[in-house]
Amino acid sequence: MEIRLDNKAMLITGASTGFGRATAVMAAESGAFVGVNYCHSEDEAKKTLSQVEGAGGKGALLKADVRDRRQVDRMFDEFAEASGGRLDILVNNAGSLVGRTTIEEIDDELWDEVIRLNTTSTVYCTRRAIPMLRANGGGVIVNMSSVAAKIGGAGGAAHYAAAKGAINSLTVGLAKELAPDNIRVVGLMPGVVPTLFHEKFTSPEKMEELREKIPLKHFGKPEQIAAAIVFLSSEYADFITGAFLNISGGW
């Protein structure tokens, strides 16, 4: 089975590294035009675009802080100009733990930042994408959740788990709301996948502890997350909406 996204335009938030980069490259290999969003990591975003082009695809760099509604609006305008007015797939991938802490010790600023980056940004981007998707006769929204939403996070990540739990509820509600417009909304719940996320927030010792807790006893790969996104964005998944793919090794 060959999955193709020919003549499709995909915008990926947080696409400079990790899941976003892997998805951008795989989508390009499948024929999609790819919007590579980044906020601070311009050099890494350029590497992503270079890999997109190396895969035979086309794309555009889109600098925007997705926590800022005005920047989100500008990003979508720039994407529409670069893609010829098309948007078929939105991947709400931007997000971060920001910092580990207990709920007892979390301050208001960190709580607000986690919600803004993981949840509010998804609302801003989705709200802006809906008219464009509708104008093209429908499309797909892929929301990046986490297995943390299911297990409550691990070691000072309950705030992140809560933000991703909100993504799950939003995904189900949006799927019902947008079904009449032929817009599917799906979610991914990745488990532990070594990326810059864990390099920043998880010690090597903690990573080994997590590995032992995974029923399959090994970590995932960014390319596995990307493959799931490409599949869910394709015609092979056109009967899937309001659902989640748990890619966590059994958690």
C-alpha atoms as a PDB file:
ATOM      1  CA  MET A   1       0.000   0.000   0.000  1.00  0.00           C
ATOM      2  CA  GLU A   2       1.462   3.324  -1.047  1.00  0.00           C
ATOM      3  CA  ILE A   3       0.114   6.333   0.791  1.00  0.00           C
ATOM      4  CA  ARG A   4       0.074   9.499  -1.308  1.00  0.00           C
ATOM      5  CA  LEU A   5      -0.747  13.087  -0.407  1.00  0.00           C
ATOM      6  CA  ASP A   6      -0.338  14.491  -3.900  1.00  0.00           C
ATOM      7  CA  ASN A   7      -1.748  17.989  -4.412  1.00  0.00           C
ATOM      8  CA  LYS A   8      -2.331  18.324  -0.668  1.00  0.00           C
ATOM      9  CA  ALA A   9      -1.051  21.199   1.450  1.00  0.00           C
ATOM     10  CA  MET A  10      -0.054  20.439   5.045  1.00  0.00           C
ATOM     11  CA  LEU A  11       0.849  22.972   7.733  1.00  0.00           C
ATOM     12  CA  ILE A  12       2.800  21.604  10.692  1.00  0.00           C
ATOM     13  CA  THR A  13       3.329  23.665  13.832  1.00  0.00           C
ATOM     14  CA  GLY A  14       6.570  23.132  15.709  1.00  0.00           C
ATOM     15  CA  ALA A  15       8.203  21.514  12.685  1.00  0.00           C
ATOM     16  CA  SER A  16      11.840  22.426  13.242  1.00  0.00           C
ATOM     17  CA  THR A  17      12.768  19.198  15.074  1.00  0.00           C
ATOM     18  CA  GLY A  18      11.410  15.911  16.398  1.00  0.00           C
ATOM     19  CA  PHE A  19       7.975  14.724  15.363  1.00  0.00           C
ATOM     20  CA  GLY A  20       7.395  17.851  13.305  1.00  0.00           C
ATOM     21  CA  ARG A  21      10.522  17.417  11.211  1.00  0.00           C
ATOM     22  CA  ALA A  22       9.928  13.701  10.647  1.00  0.00           C
ATOM     23  CA  THR A  23       6.349  14.420   9.578  1.00  0.00           C
ATOM     24  CA  ALA A  24       7.387  17.214   7.231  1.00  0.00           C
ATOM     25  CA  VAL A  25       9.868  14.989   5.441  1.00  0.00           C
ATOM     26  CA  MET A  26       7.537  11.995   5.178  1.00  0.00           C
ATOM     27  CA  ALA A  27       4.646  14.166   3.974  1.00  0.00           C
ATOM     28  CA  ALA A  28       6.931  15.663   1.317  1.00  0.00           C
ATOM     29  CA  GLU A  29       7.947  12.170   0.216  1.00  0.00           C
ATOM     30  CA  SER A  30       4.229  11.443  -0.158  1.00  0.00           C
ATOM     31  CA  GLY A  31       3.712  14.459  -2.419  1.00  0.00           C
ATOM     32  CA  ALA A  32       2.412  17.137  -0.047  1.00  0.00           C
ATOM     33  CA  PHE A  33       3.354  20.817   0.025  1.00  0.00           C
ATOM     34  CA  VAL A  34       4.593  21.420   3.572  1.00  0.00           C
ATOM     35  CA  GLY A  35       4.457  24.503   5.766  1.00  0.00           C
ATOM     36  CA  VAL A  36       7.284  24.359   8.319  1.00  0.00           C
ATOM     37  CA  ASN A  37       6.373  26.452  11.341  1.00  0.00           C
ATOM     38  CA  TYR A  38       8.938  27.456  13.935  1.00  0.00           C
ATOM     39  CA  CYS A  39       9.287  30.076  16.635  1.00  0.00           C
ATOM     40  CA  HIS A  40      12.936  30.397  17.721  1.00  0.00           C
ATOM     41  CA  SER A  41      14.798  27.553  15.999  1.00  0.00           C
ATOM     42  CA  GLU A  42      15.320  29.114  12.587  1.00  0.00           C
ATOM     43  CA  ASP A  43      18.460  27.132  11.758  1.00  0.00           C
ATOM     44  CA  GLU A  44      16.757  23.854  12.618  1.00  0.00           C
ATOM     45  CA  ALA A  45      13.666  24.857  10.632  1.00  0.00           C
ATOM     46  CA  LYS A  46      15.879  25.539   7.625  1.00  0.00           C
ATOM     47  CA  LYS A  47      17.319  22.047   8.011  1.00  0.00           C
ATOM     48  CA  THR A  48      13.793  20.659   7.982  1.00  0.00           C
ATOM     49  CA  LEU A  49      12.941  22.556   4.809  1.00  0.00           C
ATOM     50  CA  SER A  50      16.194  21.384   3.239  1.00  0.00           C
ATOM     51  CA  GLN A  51      15.227  17.784   4.004  1.00  0.00           C
ATOM     52  CA  VAL A  52      11.760  18.398   2.578  1.00  0.00           C
ATOM     53  CA  GLU A  53      13.321  19.635  -0.635  1.00  0.00           C
ATOM     54  CA  GLY A  54      15.839  16.790  -0.586  1.00  0.00           C
ATOM     55  CA  ALA A  55      12.899  14.400  -0.496  1.00  0.00           C
ATOM     56  CA  GLY A  56      11.629  15.951  -3.713  1.00  0.00           C
ATOM     57  CA  GLY A  57       9.012  18.114  -2.045  1.00  0.00           C
ATOM     58  CA  LYS A  58       8.215  21.788  -1.763  1.00  0.00           C
ATOM     59  CA  GLY A  59       7.483  23.864   1.288  1.00  0.00           C
ATOM     60  CA  ALA A  60       7.697  27.177   3.071  1.00  0.00           C
ATOM     61  CA  LEU A  61       9.232  28.427   6.316  1.00  0.00           C
ATOM     62  CA  LEU A  62       6.664  30.029   8.606  1.00  0.00           C
ATOM     63  CA  LYS A  63       7.959  31.893  11.638  1.00  0.00           C
ATOM     64  CA  ALA A  64       5.253  32.393  14.258  1.00  0.00           C
ATOM     65  CA  ASP A  65       4.755  32.018  17.976  1.00  0.00           C
ATOM     66  CA  VAL A  66       1.566  29.959  18.007  1.00  0.00           C
ATOM     67  CA  ARG A  67       0.747  31.256  21.479  1.00  0.00           C
ATOM     68  CA  ASP A  68       0.063  34.634  19.855  1.00  0.00           C
ATOM     69  CA  ARG A  69      -3.193  34.929  17.910  1.00  0.00           C
ATOM     70  CA  ARG A  70      -1.924  37.728  15.677  1.00  0.00           C
ATOM     71  CA  GLN A  71       1.146  35.740  14.697  1.00  0.00           C
ATOM     72  CA  VAL A  72      -1.042  32.718  13.986  1.00  0.00           C
ATOM     73  CA  ASP A  73      -3.206  34.805  11.672  1.00  0.00           C
ATOM     74  CA  ARG A  74      -0.137  36.067   9.840  1.00  0.00           C
ATOM     75  CA  MET A  75       1.256  32.547   9.533  1.00  0.00           C
ATOM     76  CA  PHE A  76      -1.892  31.262   7.875  1.00  0.00           C
ATOM     77  CA  ASP A  77      -1.918  34.191   5.469  1.00  0.00           C
ATOM     78  CA  GLU A  78       1.690  33.465   4.514  1.00  0.00           C
ATOM     79  CA  PHE A  79       0.961  29.770   4.126  1.00  0.00           C
ATOM     80  CA  ALA A  80      -2.019  30.467   1.867  1.00  0.00           C
ATOM     81  CA  GLU A  81       0.148  32.676  -0.327  1.00  0.00           C
ATOM     82  CA  ALA A  82       2.858  30.015  -0.578  1.00  0.00           C
ATOM     83  CA  SER A  83       0.485  27.089  -1.157  1.00  0.00           C
ATOM     84  CA  GLY A  84      -1.728  28.756  -3.748  1.00  0.00           C
ATOM     85  CA  GLY A  85      -4.542  29.190  -1.265  1.00  0.00           C
ATOM     86  CA  ARG A  86      -4.799  25.541  -0.272  1.00  0.00           C
ATOM     87  CA  LEU A  87      -4.879  23.997   3.168  1.00  0.00           C
ATOM     88  CA  ASP A  88      -5.837  20.348   3.393  1.00  0.00           C
ATOM     89  CA  ILE A  89      -4.122  19.159   6.565  1.00  0.00           C
ATOM     90  CA  LEU A  90      -3.280  20.954   9.797  1.00  0.00           C
ATOM     91  CA  VAL A  91      -0.951  19.205  12.234  1.00  0.00           C
ATOM     92  CA  ASN A  92      -1.115  20.845  15.661  1.00  0.00           C
ATOM     93  CA  ASN A  93       2.245  19.566  16.833  1.00  0.00           C
ATOM     94  CA  ALA A  94       3.717  22.498  18.777  1.00  0.00           C
ATOM     95  CA  GLY A  95       3.948  21.873  22.505  1.00  0.00           C
ATOM     96  CA  SER A  96       6.270  21.348  25.441  1.00  0.00           C
ATOM     97  CA  LEU A  97       6.463  20.280  29.052  1.00  0.00           C
ATOM     98  CA  VAL A  98       8.182  23.660  29.695  1.00  0.00           C
ATOM     99  CA  GLY A  99       9.398  22.477  33.096  1.00  0.00           C
ATOM    100  CA  ARG A 100       8.922  19.633  35.559  1.00  0.00           C
ATOM    101  CA  THR A 101       7.234  20.462  38.852  1.00  0.00           C
ATOM    102  CA  THR A 102       4.604  19.198  41.233  1.00  0.00           C
ATOM    103  CA  ILE A 103       1.140  20.740  41.204  1.00  0.00           C
ATOM    104  CA  GLU A 104       1.728  21.825  44.796  1.00  0.00           C
ATOM    105  CA  GLU A 105       4.747  23.858  43.731  1.00  0.00           C
ATOM    106  CA  ILE A 106       3.708  25.066  40.280  1.00  0.00           C
ATOM    107  CA  ASP A 107       3.448  28.831  39.912  1.00  0.00           C
ATOM    108  CA  ASP A 108       0.812  30.660  37.913  1.00  0.00           C
ATOM    109  CA  GLU A 109       3.252  31.628  35.174  1.00  0.00           C
ATOM    110  CA  LEU A 110       4.321  28.055  34.428  1.00  0.00           C
ATOM    111  CA  TRP A 111       0.734  26.783  34.492  1.00  0.00           C
ATOM    112  CA  ASP A 112      -0.391  29.493  32.078  1.00  0.00           C
ATOM    113  CA  GLU A 113       2.580  28.847  29.796  1.00  0.00           C
ATOM    114  CA  VAL A 114       1.899  25.106  29.556  1.00  0.00           C
ATOM    115  CA  ILE A 115      -1.773  25.673  28.751  1.00  0.00           C
ATOM    116  CA  ARG A 116      -1.024  28.414  26.213  1.00  0.00           C
ATOM    117  CA  LEU A 117       1.647  26.434  24.393  1.00  0.00           C
ATOM    118  CA  ASN A 118      -0.104  23.067  24.297  1.00  0.00           C
ATOM    119  CA  THR A 119      -3.819  23.873  24.310  1.00  0.00           C
ATOM    120  CA  THR A 120      -4.527  27.503  23.457  1.00  0.00           C
ATOM    121  CA  SER A 121      -2.198  27.351  20.450  1.00  0.00           C
ATOM    122  CA  THR A 122      -4.192  24.411  19.113  1.00  0.00           C
ATOM    123  CA  VAL A 123      -7.404  26.412  19.418  1.00  0.00           C
ATOM    124  CA  TYR A 124      -5.869  29.436  17.671  1.00  0.00           C
ATOM    125  CA  CYS A 125      -4.540  27.384  14.760  1.00  0.00           C
ATOM    126  CA  THR A 126      -7.642  25.247  14.404  1.00  0.00           C
ATOM    127  CA  ARG A 127      -9.962  28.245  14.437  1.00  0.00           C
ATOM    128  CA  ARG A 128      -7.921  29.880  11.691  1.00  0.00           C
ATOM    129  CA  ALA A 129      -7.707  26.687   9.632  1.00  0.00           C
ATOM    130  CA  ILE A 130     -11.396  25.773   9.557  1.00  0.00           C
ATOM    131  CA  PRO A 131     -12.501  28.285   6.871  1.00  0.00           C
ATOM    132  CA  MET A 132      -9.593  27.284   4.634  1.00  0.00           C
ATOM    133  CA  LEU A 133     -10.330  23.577   5.015  1.00  0.00           C
ATOM    134  CA  ARG A 134     -14.014  24.153   4.382  1.00  0.00           C
ATOM    135  CA  ALA A 135     -13.244  26.180   1.254  1.00  0.00           C
ATOM    136  CA  ASN A 136     -11.330  23.195  -0.153  1.00  0.00           C
ATOM    137  CA  GLY A 137     -14.210  20.822   0.475  1.00  0.00           C
ATOM    138  CA  GLY A 138     -12.885  19.391   3.722  1.00  0.00           C
ATOM    139  CA  GLY A 139      -9.641  18.175   5.197  1.00  0.00           C
ATOM    140  CA  VAL A 140      -7.931  16.809   8.262  1.00  0.00           C
ATOM    141  CA  ILE A 141      -6.806  18.210  11.603  1.00  0.00           C
ATOM    142  CA  VAL A 142      -4.279  16.121  13.515  1.00  0.00           C
ATOM    143  CA  ASN A 143      -3.840  17.061  17.172  1.00  0.00           C
ATOM    144  CA  MET A 144      -0.737  15.977  19.033  1.00  0.00           C
ATOM    145  CA  SER A 145      -1.710  14.692  22.444  1.00  0.00           C
ATOM    146  CA  SER A 146       0.399  12.377  24.594  1.00  0.00           C
ATOM    147  CA  VAL A 147       0.145   9.141  26.518  1.00  0.00           C
ATOM    148  CA  ALA A 148       0.567  11.482  29.493  1.00  0.00           C
ATOM    149  CA  ALA A 149      -3.111  12.377  29.047  1.00  0.00           C
ATOM    150  CA  LYS A 150      -3.933   8.731  29.772  1.00  0.00           C
ATOM    151  CA  ILE A 151      -1.478   7.972  32.593  1.00  0.00           C
ATOM    152  CA  GLY A 152      -1.292  11.420  34.209  1.00  0.00           C
ATOM    153  CA  GLY A 153       2.286  12.145  33.288  1.00  0.00           C
ATOM    154  CA  ALA A 154       5.439  10.945  34.996  1.00  0.00           C
ATOM    155  CA  GLY A 155       7.607  12.777  37.482  1.00  0.00           C
ATOM    156  CA  GLY A 156       6.417  16.359  37.654  1.00  0.00           C
ATOM    157  CA  ALA A 157       4.377  16.368  34.462  1.00  0.00           C
ATOM    158  CA  ALA A 158       0.785  16.451  35.711  1.00  0.00           C
ATOM    159  CA  HIS A 159       0.338  19.989  34.342  1.00  0.00           C
ATOM    160  CA  TYR A 160       1.445  18.797  30.877  1.00  0.00           C
ATOM    161  CA  ALA A 161      -0.856  15.768  31.150  1.00  0.00           C
ATOM    162  CA  ALA A 162      -3.757  18.088  31.958  1.00  0.00           C
ATOM    163  CA  ALA A 163      -3.025  20.242  28.918  1.00  0.00           C
ATOM    164  CA  LYS A 164      -2.954  17.158  26.697  1.00  0.00           C
ATOM    165  CA  GLY A 165      -6.128  15.833  28.309  1.00  0.00           C
ATOM    166  CA  ALA A 166      -7.811  19.034  27.168  1.00  0.00           C
ATOM    167  CA  ILE A 167      -6.537  18.295  23.650  1.00  0.00           C
ATOM    168  CA  ASN A 168      -8.281  14.925  23.782  1.00  0.00           C
ATOM    169  CA  SER A 169     -11.609  16.452  24.746  1.00  0.00           C
ATOM    170  CA  LEU A 170     -11.203  19.166  22.130  1.00  0.00           C
ATOM    171  CA  THR A 171     -10.463  16.571  19.453  1.00  0.00           C
ATOM    172  CA  VAL A 172     -13.638  14.606  20.120  1.00  0.00           C
ATOM    173  CA  GLY A 173     -15.785  17.734  20.275  1.00  0.00           C
ATOM    174  CA  LEU A 174     -14.304  19.180  17.090  1.00  0.00           C
ATOM    175  CA  ALA A 175     -14.775  15.905  15.230  1.00  0.00           C
ATOM    176  CA  LYS A 176     -18.512  16.123  15.836  1.00  0.00           C
ATOM    177  CA  GLU A 177     -18.666  19.844  15.169  1.00  0.00           C
ATOM    178  CA  LEU A 178     -16.794  19.681  11.863  1.00  0.00           C
ATOM    179  CA  ALA A 179     -18.054  16.400  10.420  1.00  0.00           C
ATOM    180  CA  PRO A 180     -20.770  18.172   8.364  1.00  0.00           C
ATOM    181  CA  ASP A 181     -17.966  20.092   6.626  1.00  0.00           C
ATOM    182  CA  ASN A 182     -16.102  16.878   5.752  1.00  0.00           C
ATOM    183  CA  ILE A 183     -13.317  17.858   8.146  1.00  0.00           C
ATOM    184  CA  ARG A 184     -11.917  14.957  10.134  1.00  0.00           C
ATOM    185  CA  VAL A 185     -10.222  15.533  13.490  1.00  0.00           C
ATOM    186  CA  VAL A 186      -7.935  12.896  14.953  1.00  0.00           C
ATOM    187  CA  GLY A 187      -5.375  12.685  17.733  1.00  0.00           C
ATOM    188  CA  LEU A 188      -2.086  10.953  18.424  1.00  0.00           C
ATOM    189  CA  MET A 189      -0.918   9.863  21.861  1.00  0.00           C
ATOM    190  CA  PRO A 190       2.811   9.136  21.604  1.00  0.00           C
ATOM    191  CA  GLY A 191       4.683   7.488  24.432  1.00  0.00           C
ATOM    192  CA  VAL A 192       8.374   7.885  25.136  1.00  0.00           C
ATOM    193  CA  VAL A 193      10.260   8.758  21.966  1.00  0.00           C
ATOM    194  CA  PRO A 194      13.831  10.084  22.345  1.00  0.00           C
ATOM    195  CA  THR A 195      13.832  13.616  20.907  1.00  0.00           C
ATOM    196  CA  LEU A 196      15.050  17.031  22.058  1.00  0.00           C
ATOM    197  CA  PHE A 197      11.985  17.040  24.348  1.00  0.00           C
ATOM    198  CA  HIS A 198      13.451  14.294  26.525  1.00  0.00           C
ATOM    199  CA  GLU A 199      17.022  15.511  26.115  1.00  0.00           C
ATOM    200  CA  LYS A 200      15.874  18.712  27.782  1.00  0.00           C
ATOM    201  CA  PHE A 201      13.488  17.401  30.426  1.00  0.00           C
ATOM    202  CA  THR A 202      14.454  13.788  31.209  1.00  0.00           C
ATOM    203  CA  SER A 203      17.743  12.539  32.591  1.00  0.00           C
ATOM    204  CA  PRO A 204      19.413   9.436  31.128  1.00  0.00           C
ATOM    205  CA  GLU A 205      18.665   7.607  34.373  1.00  0.00           C
ATOM    206  CA  LYS A 206      14.987   8.541  34.180  1.00  0.00           C
ATOM    207  CA  MET A 207      14.864   7.451  30.534  1.00  0.00           C
ATOM    208  CA  GLU A 208      16.063   3.993  31.546  1.00  0.00           C
ATOM    209  CA  GLU A 209      13.412   3.848  34.265  1.00  0.00           C
ATOM    210  CA  LEU A 210      10.770   4.726  31.687  1.00  0.00           C
ATOM    211  CA  ARG A 211      12.072   2.122  29.249  1.00  0.00           C
ATOM    212  CA  GLU A 212      11.575  -0.585  31.865  1.00  0.00           C
ATOM    213  CA  LYS A 213       7.991   0.534  32.441  1.00  0.00           C
ATOM    214  CA  ILE A 214       7.044   0.292  28.755  1.00  0.00           C
ATOM    215  CA  PRO A 215       5.411  -3.102  28.145  1.00  0.00           C
ATOM    216  CA  LEU A 216       7.350  -3.563  24.888  1.00  0.00           C
ATOM    217  CA  LYS A 217      10.566  -2.496  26.669  1.00  0.00           C
ATOM    218  CA  HIS A 218      11.791  -0.128  23.964  1.00  0.00           C
ATOM    219  CA  PHE A 219      11.297   3.463  22.854  1.00  0.00           C
ATOM    220  CA  GLY A 220       9.486   4.685  19.777  1.00  0.00           C
ATOM    221  CA  LYS A 221      10.922   6.601  16.835  1.00  0.00           C
ATOM    222  CA  PRO A 222       9.876   9.967  15.356  1.00  0.00           C
ATOM    223  CA  GLU A 223       9.364   8.280  11.990  1.00  0.00           C
ATOM    224  CA  GLN A 224       6.691   6.041  13.514  1.00  0.00           C
ATOM    225  CA  ILE A 225       4.762   9.081  14.687  1.00  0.00           C
ATOM    226  CA  ALA A 226       5.200  10.685  11.254  1.00  0.00           C
ATOM    227  CA  ALA A 227       3.951   7.557   9.488  1.00  0.00           C
ATOM    228  CA  ALA A 228       0.816   7.580  11.623  1.00  0.00           C
ATOM    229  CA  ILE A 229       0.155  11.230  10.795  1.00  0.00           C
ATOM    230  CA  VAL A 230       0.593  10.653   7.067  1.00  0.00           C
ATOM    231  CA  PHE A 231      -1.745   7.659   7.202  1.00  0.00           C
ATOM    232  CA  LEU A 232      -4.408   9.527   9.192  1.00  0.00           C
ATOM    233  CA  SER A 233      -4.166  12.388   6.700  1.00  0.00           C
ATOM    234  CA  SER A 234      -4.749  10.117   3.720  1.00  0.00           C
ATOM    235  CA  GLU A 235      -7.774   8.743   1.917  1.00  0.00           C
ATOM    236  CA  TYR A 236      -7.190   5.383   3.618  1.00  0.00           C
ATOM    237  CA  ALA A 237      -8.317   6.971   6.893  1.00  0.00           C
ATOM    238  CA  ASP A 238     -11.378   8.807   5.592  1.00  0.00           C
ATOM    239  CA  PHE A 239     -13.669   6.870   7.967  1.00  0.00           C
ATOM    240  CA  ILE A 240     -11.610   7.810  11.027  1.00  0.00           C
ATOM    241  CA  THR A 241     -12.541  10.866  13.062  1.00  0.00           C
ATOM    242  CA  GLY A 242     -12.798  11.663  16.757  1.00  0.00           C
ATOM    243  CA  ALA A 243     -10.323   8.858  17.417  1.00  0.00           C
ATOM    244  CA  PHE A 244      -6.842   8.542  18.916  1.00  0.00           C
ATOM    245  CA  LEU A 245      -3.898   6.412  17.940  1.00  0.00           C
ATOM    246  CA  ASN A 246      -1.933   5.415  21.036  1.00  0.00           C
ATOM    247  CA  ILE A 247       1.702   4.891  19.965  1.00  0.00           C
ATOM    248  CA  SER A 248       3.285   4.075  23.291  1.00  0.00           C
ATOM    249  CA  GLY A 249       4.586   0.523  23.343  1.00  0.00           C
ATOM    250  CA  GLY A 250       1.599  -0.673  25.362  1.00  0.00           C
ATOM    251  CA  TRP A 251       1.076   2.073  27.932  1.00  0.00           C
END
